Amino acid sequence: MPLNCTQLTKKTPVCAFAALAGFALVSCTAETQSDQQVTSAPFNPLYQGITTQLLDDSLVNFHVKMHGARDNADVGDYGECAAAQYALIRGYGFARHVRTTVYKEGSLWRGDAVYTISPALPQGLQTLDAEVVVEDCAEKGIPTV
């Protein structure tokens, strides 16, 4: 049964709480609808190349360029795909993300990502199994090195 605040006395804080809770719920719903509109936008990326630079025996820098990215995450995914394939090419099975910096110049998105590659699962939170990531990239149509 709905809460009728007119039947309660002014000393009851329930009405104030209910009003605030209702406002918060409306705010969350509006934000969710907005988010859904953003994610439903067409995604037609144009991947424009990957360059690699070996910084140390197991530390690699990847530079990626693309048009049509929706946000930084799309550029990061492109760098991750490059790192995973590079690890496999070098005979390693794993990589660990160190950092990614994204730049947008007009419609061109650039990513500057650094990964460590290793034969065993490295320590850290942002590790990836190279074979699994490369398969995922192929399913998503993201090119690799």
N, C-alpha and C. Protein backbone atom coordinates (compact mmCIF):
# COMPACT_ATOMS: atom_id res chain seq x y z
N MET A 1 0.85 -1.18 0.00
CA MET A 1 0.00 0.00 0.00
C MET A 1 0.90 1.25 0.00
N PRO A 2 0.62 2.23 -0.85
CA PRO A 2 1.47 3.41 -0.92
C PRO A 2 1.41 4.24 0.36
N LEU A 3 2.50 4.93 0.62
CA LEU A 3 2.62 5.77 1.80
C LEU A 3 1.91 7.09 1.54
N ASN A 4 0.98 7.46 2.42
CA ASN A 4 0.25 8.72 2.29
C ASN A 4 0.79 9.67 3.34
N CYS A 5 1.62 10.60 2.96
CA CYS A 5 2.28 11.49 3.89
C CYS A 5 1.32 12.47 4.53
N THR A 6 0.19 12.73 3.93
CA THR A 6 -0.74 13.69 4.52
C THR A 6 -1.39 13.13 5.77
N GLN A 7 -1.38 11.81 5.93
CA GLN A 7 -1.98 11.19 7.10
C GLN A 7 -1.02 11.14 8.27
N LEU A 8 0.25 11.44 8.07
CA LEU A 8 1.24 11.36 9.13
C LEU A 8 1.47 12.74 9.73
N THR A 9 1.95 12.77 10.94
CA THR A 9 2.22 14.05 11.59
C THR A 9 3.54 14.62 11.11
N LYS A 10 3.78 15.88 11.39
CA LYS A 10 5.01 16.54 10.99
C LYS A 10 6.22 15.96 11.70
N LYS A 11 6.01 15.30 12.82
CA LYS A 11 7.12 14.74 13.58
C LYS A 11 7.67 13.47 12.94
N THR A 12 6.99 12.91 11.96
CA THR A 12 7.41 11.66 11.34
C THR A 12 8.37 11.96 10.19
N PRO A 13 9.63 11.53 10.33
CA PRO A 13 10.60 11.81 9.27
C PRO A 13 10.47 10.90 8.06
N VAL A 14 9.54 9.96 8.08
CA VAL A 14 9.40 8.98 7.00
C VAL A 14 9.06 9.67 5.68
N CYS A 15 8.21 10.70 5.75
CA CYS A 15 7.80 11.38 4.52
C CYS A 15 8.98 12.06 3.84
N ALA A 16 9.81 12.71 4.60
CA ALA A 16 10.99 13.36 4.03
C ALA A 16 11.89 12.34 3.38
N PHE A 17 12.09 11.21 4.07
CA PHE A 17 12.93 10.15 3.52
C PHE A 17 12.32 9.59 2.25
N ALA A 18 11.00 9.36 2.26
CA ALA A 18 10.32 8.80 1.09
C ALA A 18 10.43 9.75 -0.09
N ALA A 19 10.30 11.05 0.18
CA ALA A 19 10.41 12.03 -0.90
C ALA A 19 11.82 12.01 -1.49
N LEU A 20 12.83 11.96 -0.63
CA LEU A 20 14.21 11.91 -1.12
C LEU A 20 14.49 10.62 -1.88
N ALA A 21 13.99 9.51 -1.35
CA ALA A 21 14.21 8.23 -2.02
C ALA A 21 13.56 8.22 -3.39
N GLY A 22 12.36 8.78 -3.48
CA GLY A 22 11.67 8.86 -4.77
C GLY A 22 12.45 9.71 -5.75
N PHE A 23 13.00 10.82 -5.29
CA PHE A 23 13.81 11.69 -6.15
C PHE A 23 15.04 10.96 -6.64
N ALA A 24 15.71 10.23 -5.74
CA ALA A 24 16.91 9.48 -6.12
C ALA A 24 16.57 8.42 -7.15
N LEU A 25 15.43 7.76 -6.99
CA LEU A 25 15.02 6.72 -7.92
C LEU A 25 14.75 7.32 -9.29
N VAL A 26 14.08 8.46 -9.33
CA VAL A 26 13.81 9.12 -10.60
C VAL A 26 15.13 9.54 -11.26
N SER A 27 16.06 10.06 -10.46
CA SER A 27 17.34 10.48 -11.01
C SER A 27 18.09 9.30 -11.60
N CYS A 28 18.11 8.18 -10.90
CA CYS A 28 18.81 7.00 -11.40
C CYS A 28 18.18 6.49 -12.68
N THR A 29 16.85 6.49 -12.74
CA THR A 29 16.17 6.01 -13.93
C THR A 29 16.49 6.88 -15.13
N ALA A 30 16.49 8.19 -14.94
CA ALA A 30 16.79 9.09 -16.04
C ALA A 30 18.22 8.88 -16.53
N GLU A 31 19.15 8.68 -15.62
CA GLU A 31 20.55 8.47 -16.00
C GLU A 31 20.69 7.17 -16.77
N THR A 32 20.00 6.13 -16.35
CA THR A 32 20.08 4.84 -17.02
C THR A 32 19.55 4.95 -18.45
N GLN A 33 18.43 5.66 -18.64
CA GLN A 33 17.89 5.83 -19.98
C GLN A 33 18.87 6.58 -20.86
N SER A 34 19.53 7.59 -20.31
CA SER A 34 20.53 8.35 -21.05
C SER A 34 21.69 7.45 -21.45
N ASP A 35 22.16 6.61 -20.51
CA ASP A 35 23.26 5.69 -20.80
C ASP A 35 22.88 4.72 -21.90
N GLN A 36 21.64 4.26 -21.90
CA GLN A 36 21.21 3.31 -22.92
C GLN A 36 21.22 3.96 -24.29
N GLN A 37 20.89 5.24 -24.38
CA GLN A 37 20.91 5.92 -25.66
C GLN A 37 22.33 6.02 -26.19
N VAL A 38 23.31 6.25 -25.32
CA VAL A 38 24.70 6.36 -25.74
C VAL A 38 25.21 5.02 -26.26
N THR A 39 24.90 3.92 -25.56
CA THR A 39 25.42 2.62 -25.96
C THR A 39 24.73 2.09 -27.22
N SER A 40 23.57 2.64 -27.59
CA SER A 40 22.90 2.15 -28.78
C SER A 40 23.37 2.86 -30.05
N ALA A 41 24.30 3.79 -29.93
CA ALA A 41 24.84 4.48 -31.10
C ALA A 41 25.61 3.49 -31.97
N PRO A 42 25.55 3.67 -33.30
CA PRO A 42 26.27 2.74 -34.18
C PRO A 42 27.77 2.83 -33.97
N PHE A 43 28.43 1.69 -34.06
CA PHE A 43 29.87 1.62 -33.86
C PHE A 43 30.50 1.13 -35.14
N ASN A 44 31.14 2.03 -35.85
CA ASN A 44 31.79 1.72 -37.13
C ASN A 44 33.25 2.17 -37.07
N PRO A 45 34.08 1.46 -36.34
CA PRO A 45 35.47 1.90 -36.19
C PRO A 45 36.29 1.67 -37.46
N LEU A 46 37.28 2.51 -37.62
CA LEU A 46 38.25 2.36 -38.70
C LEU A 46 39.62 2.30 -38.02
N TYR A 47 40.17 1.09 -37.95
CA TYR A 47 41.46 0.88 -37.28
C TYR A 47 42.57 1.25 -38.25
N GLN A 48 43.49 2.11 -37.81
CA GLN A 48 44.46 2.69 -38.73
C GLN A 48 45.90 2.33 -38.43
N GLY A 49 46.13 1.31 -37.66
CA GLY A 49 47.50 0.84 -37.51
C GLY A 49 48.01 0.78 -36.08
N ILE A 50 48.98 -0.10 -35.94
CA ILE A 50 49.63 -0.36 -34.66
C ILE A 50 51.13 -0.31 -34.88
N THR A 51 51.83 0.39 -34.02
CA THR A 51 53.30 0.33 -34.03
C THR A 51 53.74 -0.14 -32.65
N THR A 52 54.81 -0.91 -32.64
CA THR A 52 55.32 -1.44 -31.37
C THR A 52 56.75 -0.96 -31.16
N GLN A 53 57.10 -0.80 -29.91
CA GLN A 53 58.46 -0.42 -29.54
C GLN A 53 58.85 -1.21 -28.31
N LEU A 54 59.86 -2.04 -28.44
CA LEU A 54 60.35 -2.82 -27.32
C LEU A 54 61.17 -1.91 -26.42
N LEU A 55 60.71 -1.71 -25.19
CA LEU A 55 61.39 -0.81 -24.25
C LEU A 55 62.42 -1.55 -23.41
N ASP A 56 62.17 -2.82 -23.16
CA ASP A 56 63.05 -3.68 -22.38
C ASP A 56 62.74 -5.11 -22.81
N ASP A 57 63.38 -6.10 -22.24
CA ASP A 57 63.15 -7.49 -22.66
C ASP A 57 61.67 -7.89 -22.62
N SER A 58 60.94 -7.41 -21.63
CA SER A 58 59.54 -7.80 -21.50
C SER A 58 58.59 -6.61 -21.40
N LEU A 59 59.07 -5.42 -21.68
CA LEU A 59 58.26 -4.21 -21.59
C LEU A 59 58.08 -3.63 -23.00
N VAL A 60 56.81 -3.51 -23.42
CA VAL A 60 56.52 -3.12 -24.80
C VAL A 60 55.55 -1.95 -24.82
N ASN A 61 55.82 -1.00 -25.73
CA ASN A 61 54.97 0.17 -25.93
C ASN A 61 54.22 0.00 -27.25
N PHE A 62 52.92 0.20 -27.22
CA PHE A 62 52.08 0.07 -28.41
C PHE A 62 51.43 1.42 -28.70
N HIS A 63 51.51 1.85 -29.96
CA HIS A 63 50.84 3.07 -30.41
C HIS A 63 49.78 2.64 -31.41
N VAL A 64 48.53 3.01 -31.13
CA VAL A 64 47.42 2.64 -32.01
C VAL A 64 46.71 3.91 -32.47
N LYS A 65 46.12 3.83 -33.67
CA LYS A 65 45.36 4.95 -34.22
C LYS A 65 44.05 4.40 -34.77
N MET A 66 42.97 5.16 -34.55
CA MET A 66 41.69 4.74 -35.09
C MET A 66 40.75 5.93 -35.22
N HIS A 67 39.77 5.78 -36.09
CA HIS A 67 38.65 6.71 -36.23
C HIS A 67 37.40 5.97 -35.79
N GLY A 68 36.42 6.70 -35.34
CA GLY A 68 35.13 6.11 -34.99
C GLY A 68 35.05 5.51 -33.61
N ALA A 69 36.00 5.79 -32.75
CA ALA A 69 35.93 5.28 -31.37
C ALA A 69 34.77 5.98 -30.65
N ARG A 70 34.12 5.25 -29.76
CA ARG A 70 33.05 5.85 -28.96
C ARG A 70 33.61 6.55 -27.74
N ASP A 71 34.73 6.01 -27.23
CA ASP A 71 35.33 6.56 -26.03
C ASP A 71 36.73 5.98 -25.85
N ASN A 72 37.37 6.33 -24.73
CA ASN A 72 38.73 5.85 -24.45
C ASN A 72 38.81 4.32 -24.40
N ALA A 73 37.74 3.68 -23.96
CA ALA A 73 37.74 2.21 -23.82
C ALA A 73 37.95 1.52 -25.17
N ASP A 74 37.38 2.07 -26.24
CA ASP A 74 37.57 1.46 -27.56
C ASP A 74 39.04 1.51 -27.98
N VAL A 75 39.71 2.61 -27.69
CA VAL A 75 41.13 2.75 -28.00
C VAL A 75 41.94 1.80 -27.12
N GLY A 76 41.57 1.70 -25.86
CA GLY A 76 42.24 0.78 -24.94
C GLY A 76 42.10 -0.67 -25.39
N ASP A 77 40.93 -1.03 -25.89
CA ASP A 77 40.71 -2.40 -26.38
C ASP A 77 41.62 -2.70 -27.57
N TYR A 78 41.79 -1.73 -28.43
CA TYR A 78 42.66 -1.89 -29.60
C TYR A 78 44.10 -2.14 -29.14
N GLY A 79 44.56 -1.38 -28.16
CA GLY A 79 45.91 -1.58 -27.60
C GLY A 79 46.05 -2.93 -26.93
N GLU A 80 45.00 -3.36 -26.23
CA GLU A 80 45.03 -4.66 -25.56
C GLU A 80 45.13 -5.79 -26.58
N CYS A 81 44.41 -5.67 -27.67
CA CYS A 81 44.48 -6.69 -28.72
C CYS A 81 45.89 -6.76 -29.32
N ALA A 82 46.49 -5.60 -29.52
CA ALA A 82 47.86 -5.56 -30.04
C ALA A 82 48.82 -6.24 -29.07
N ALA A 83 48.68 -5.95 -27.78
CA ALA A 83 49.57 -6.53 -26.77
C ALA A 83 49.42 -8.04 -26.69
N ALA A 84 48.20 -8.51 -26.75
CA ALA A 84 47.96 -9.96 -26.65
C ALA A 84 48.59 -10.71 -27.82
N GLN A 85 48.39 -10.20 -29.04
CA GLN A 85 48.97 -10.85 -30.21
C GLN A 85 50.49 -10.78 -30.18
N TYR A 86 51.02 -9.67 -29.76
CA TYR A 86 52.47 -9.51 -29.68
C TYR A 86 53.07 -10.51 -28.70
N ALA A 87 52.39 -10.70 -27.56
CA ALA A 87 52.87 -11.69 -26.58
C ALA A 87 52.94 -13.07 -27.21
N LEU A 88 51.92 -13.44 -27.96
CA LEU A 88 51.91 -14.76 -28.61
C LEU A 88 53.02 -14.87 -29.67
N ILE A 89 53.21 -13.82 -30.43
CA ILE A 89 54.27 -13.82 -31.45
C ILE A 89 55.64 -14.05 -30.81
N ARG A 90 55.86 -13.45 -29.66
CA ARG A 90 57.14 -13.59 -28.95
C ARG A 90 57.24 -14.90 -28.17
N GLY A 91 56.21 -15.75 -28.23
CA GLY A 91 56.24 -17.03 -27.54
C GLY A 91 55.81 -16.95 -26.08
N TYR A 92 55.16 -15.88 -25.69
CA TYR A 92 54.66 -15.72 -24.32
C TYR A 92 53.15 -15.92 -24.31
N GLY A 93 52.63 -16.26 -23.15
CA GLY A 93 51.19 -16.51 -23.05
C GLY A 93 50.42 -15.45 -22.29
N PHE A 94 51.14 -14.50 -21.67
CA PHE A 94 50.46 -13.54 -20.81
C PHE A 94 51.01 -12.13 -20.99
N ALA A 95 50.20 -11.17 -20.58
CA ALA A 95 50.62 -9.77 -20.56
C ALA A 95 49.98 -9.09 -19.36
N ARG A 96 50.59 -8.00 -18.94
CA ARG A 96 50.05 -7.20 -17.84
C ARG A 96 50.02 -5.75 -18.29
N HIS A 97 48.87 -5.14 -18.14
CA HIS A 97 48.70 -3.74 -18.52
C HIS A 97 49.41 -2.83 -17.52
N VAL A 98 50.23 -1.94 -18.02
CA VAL A 98 50.93 -0.97 -17.18
C VAL A 98 50.20 0.36 -17.21
N ARG A 99 49.95 0.88 -18.42
CA ARG A 99 49.21 2.14 -18.56
C ARG A 99 48.77 2.33 -20.00
N THR A 100 47.72 3.12 -20.17
CA THR A 100 47.28 3.54 -21.49
C THR A 100 46.90 5.01 -21.41
N THR A 101 47.40 5.78 -22.35
CA THR A 101 47.05 7.19 -22.47
C THR A 101 46.35 7.36 -23.81
N VAL A 102 45.23 8.05 -23.80
CA VAL A 102 44.45 8.24 -25.03
C VAL A 102 44.41 9.73 -25.36
N TYR A 103 44.59 10.02 -26.65
CA TYR A 103 44.53 11.39 -27.16
C TYR A 103 43.51 11.43 -28.28
N LYS A 104 42.76 12.50 -28.35
CA LYS A 104 41.82 12.69 -29.46
C LYS A 104 42.19 13.96 -30.19
N GLU A 105 42.42 13.83 -31.49
CA GLU A 105 42.77 14.96 -32.36
C GLU A 105 41.74 15.02 -33.48
N GLY A 106 40.73 15.84 -33.32
CA GLY A 106 39.63 15.86 -34.29
C GLY A 106 38.88 14.54 -34.21
N SER A 107 38.81 13.83 -35.33
CA SER A 107 38.14 12.53 -35.33
C SER A 107 39.12 11.37 -35.16
N LEU A 108 40.42 11.68 -35.06
CA LEU A 108 41.45 10.65 -34.90
C LEU A 108 41.72 10.40 -33.42
N TRP A 109 41.64 9.15 -33.01
CA TRP A 109 41.95 8.74 -31.64
C TRP A 109 43.30 8.04 -31.67
N ARG A 110 44.16 8.39 -30.73
CA ARG A 110 45.47 7.74 -30.60
C ARG A 110 45.59 7.15 -29.21
N GLY A 111 46.19 5.97 -29.15
CA GLY A 111 46.46 5.32 -27.88
C GLY A 111 47.93 5.03 -27.72
N ASP A 112 48.43 5.24 -26.52
CA ASP A 112 49.82 4.97 -26.18
C ASP A 112 49.77 4.03 -24.97
N ALA A 113 49.98 2.74 -25.21
CA ALA A 113 49.80 1.73 -24.16
C ALA A 113 51.11 1.00 -23.89
N VAL A 114 51.34 0.68 -22.63
CA VAL A 114 52.53 -0.08 -22.23
C VAL A 114 52.07 -1.35 -21.52
N TYR A 115 52.67 -2.47 -21.92
CA TYR A 115 52.37 -3.77 -21.34
C TYR A 115 53.68 -4.50 -21.05
N THR A 116 53.65 -5.35 -20.04
CA THR A 116 54.73 -6.32 -19.87
C THR A 116 54.21 -7.63 -20.44
N ILE A 117 55.11 -8.40 -21.01
CA ILE A 117 54.73 -9.72 -21.52
C ILE A 117 55.55 -10.76 -20.76
N SER A 118 54.96 -11.95 -20.56
CA SER A 118 55.66 -12.97 -19.78
C SER A 118 55.13 -14.36 -20.11
N PRO A 119 55.96 -15.39 -19.86
CA PRO A 119 55.53 -16.76 -20.13
C PRO A 119 54.56 -17.30 -19.08
N ALA A 120 54.59 -16.75 -17.88
CA ALA A 120 53.71 -17.18 -16.79
C ALA A 120 52.79 -16.03 -16.40
N LEU A 121 51.71 -16.34 -15.75
CA LEU A 121 50.76 -15.33 -15.31
C LEU A 121 51.46 -14.34 -14.38
N PRO A 122 51.55 -13.07 -14.79
CA PRO A 122 52.25 -12.10 -13.95
C PRO A 122 51.41 -11.67 -12.75
N GLN A 123 52.07 -11.10 -11.77
CA GLN A 123 51.35 -10.54 -10.64
C GLN A 123 50.68 -9.25 -11.09
N GLY A 124 49.63 -8.90 -10.40
CA GLY A 124 48.93 -7.66 -10.73
C GLY A 124 47.48 -7.89 -11.02
N LEU A 125 46.73 -6.81 -11.09
CA LEU A 125 45.29 -6.89 -11.28
C LEU A 125 44.88 -6.86 -12.75
N GLN A 126 45.66 -6.24 -13.59
CA GLN A 126 45.28 -6.07 -14.99
C GLN A 126 46.07 -7.00 -15.89
N THR A 127 45.94 -8.30 -15.62
CA THR A 127 46.64 -9.30 -16.43
C THR A 127 45.71 -9.85 -17.48
N LEU A 128 46.31 -10.38 -18.55
CA LEU A 128 45.48 -11.01 -19.57
C LEU A 128 46.13 -12.26 -20.11
N ASP A 129 45.28 -13.22 -20.39
CA ASP A 129 45.68 -14.45 -21.04
C ASP A 129 45.65 -14.15 -22.54
N ALA A 130 46.80 -14.14 -23.16
CA ALA A 130 46.93 -13.67 -24.54
C ALA A 130 46.05 -14.45 -25.52
N GLU A 131 45.99 -15.76 -25.40
CA GLU A 131 45.17 -16.56 -26.33
C GLU A 131 43.70 -16.19 -26.22
N VAL A 132 43.21 -16.05 -25.01
CA VAL A 132 41.80 -15.71 -24.79
C VAL A 132 41.49 -14.33 -25.35
N VAL A 133 42.38 -13.38 -25.12
CA VAL A 133 42.16 -12.01 -25.59
C VAL A 133 42.18 -11.96 -27.11
N VAL A 134 43.12 -12.64 -27.74
CA VAL A 134 43.20 -12.63 -29.21
C VAL A 134 41.93 -13.22 -29.82
N GLU A 135 41.40 -14.29 -29.24
CA GLU A 135 40.14 -14.86 -29.73
C GLU A 135 39.00 -13.86 -29.59
N ASP A 136 38.94 -13.18 -28.45
CA ASP A 136 37.90 -12.18 -28.21
C ASP A 136 38.03 -11.03 -29.22
N CYS A 137 39.24 -10.62 -29.50
CA CYS A 137 39.47 -9.53 -30.47
C CYS A 137 38.97 -9.94 -31.86
N ALA A 138 39.24 -11.19 -32.24
CA ALA A 138 38.79 -11.67 -33.54
C ALA A 138 37.26 -11.66 -33.62
N GLU A 139 36.60 -12.07 -32.53
CA GLU A 139 35.13 -12.08 -32.50
C GLU A 139 34.58 -10.66 -32.60
N LYS A 140 35.28 -9.69 -32.02
CA LYS A 140 34.82 -8.30 -32.05
C LYS A 140 35.27 -7.55 -33.30
N GLY A 141 36.12 -8.19 -34.13
CA GLY A 141 36.61 -7.56 -35.34
C GLY A 141 37.71 -6.54 -35.11
N ILE A 142 38.40 -6.65 -33.98
CA ILE A 142 39.49 -5.73 -33.68
C ILE A 142 40.79 -6.34 -34.17
N PRO A 143 41.53 -5.66 -35.04
CA PRO A 143 42.78 -6.23 -35.55
C PRO A 143 43.87 -6.29 -34.49
N THR A 144 44.83 -7.16 -34.73
CA THR A 144 45.97 -7.31 -33.82
C THR A 144 47.25 -7.03 -34.62
N VAL A 145 48.39 -7.17 -33.99
CA VAL A 145 49.67 -6.87 -34.64
C VAL A 145 49.85 -7.73 -35.88
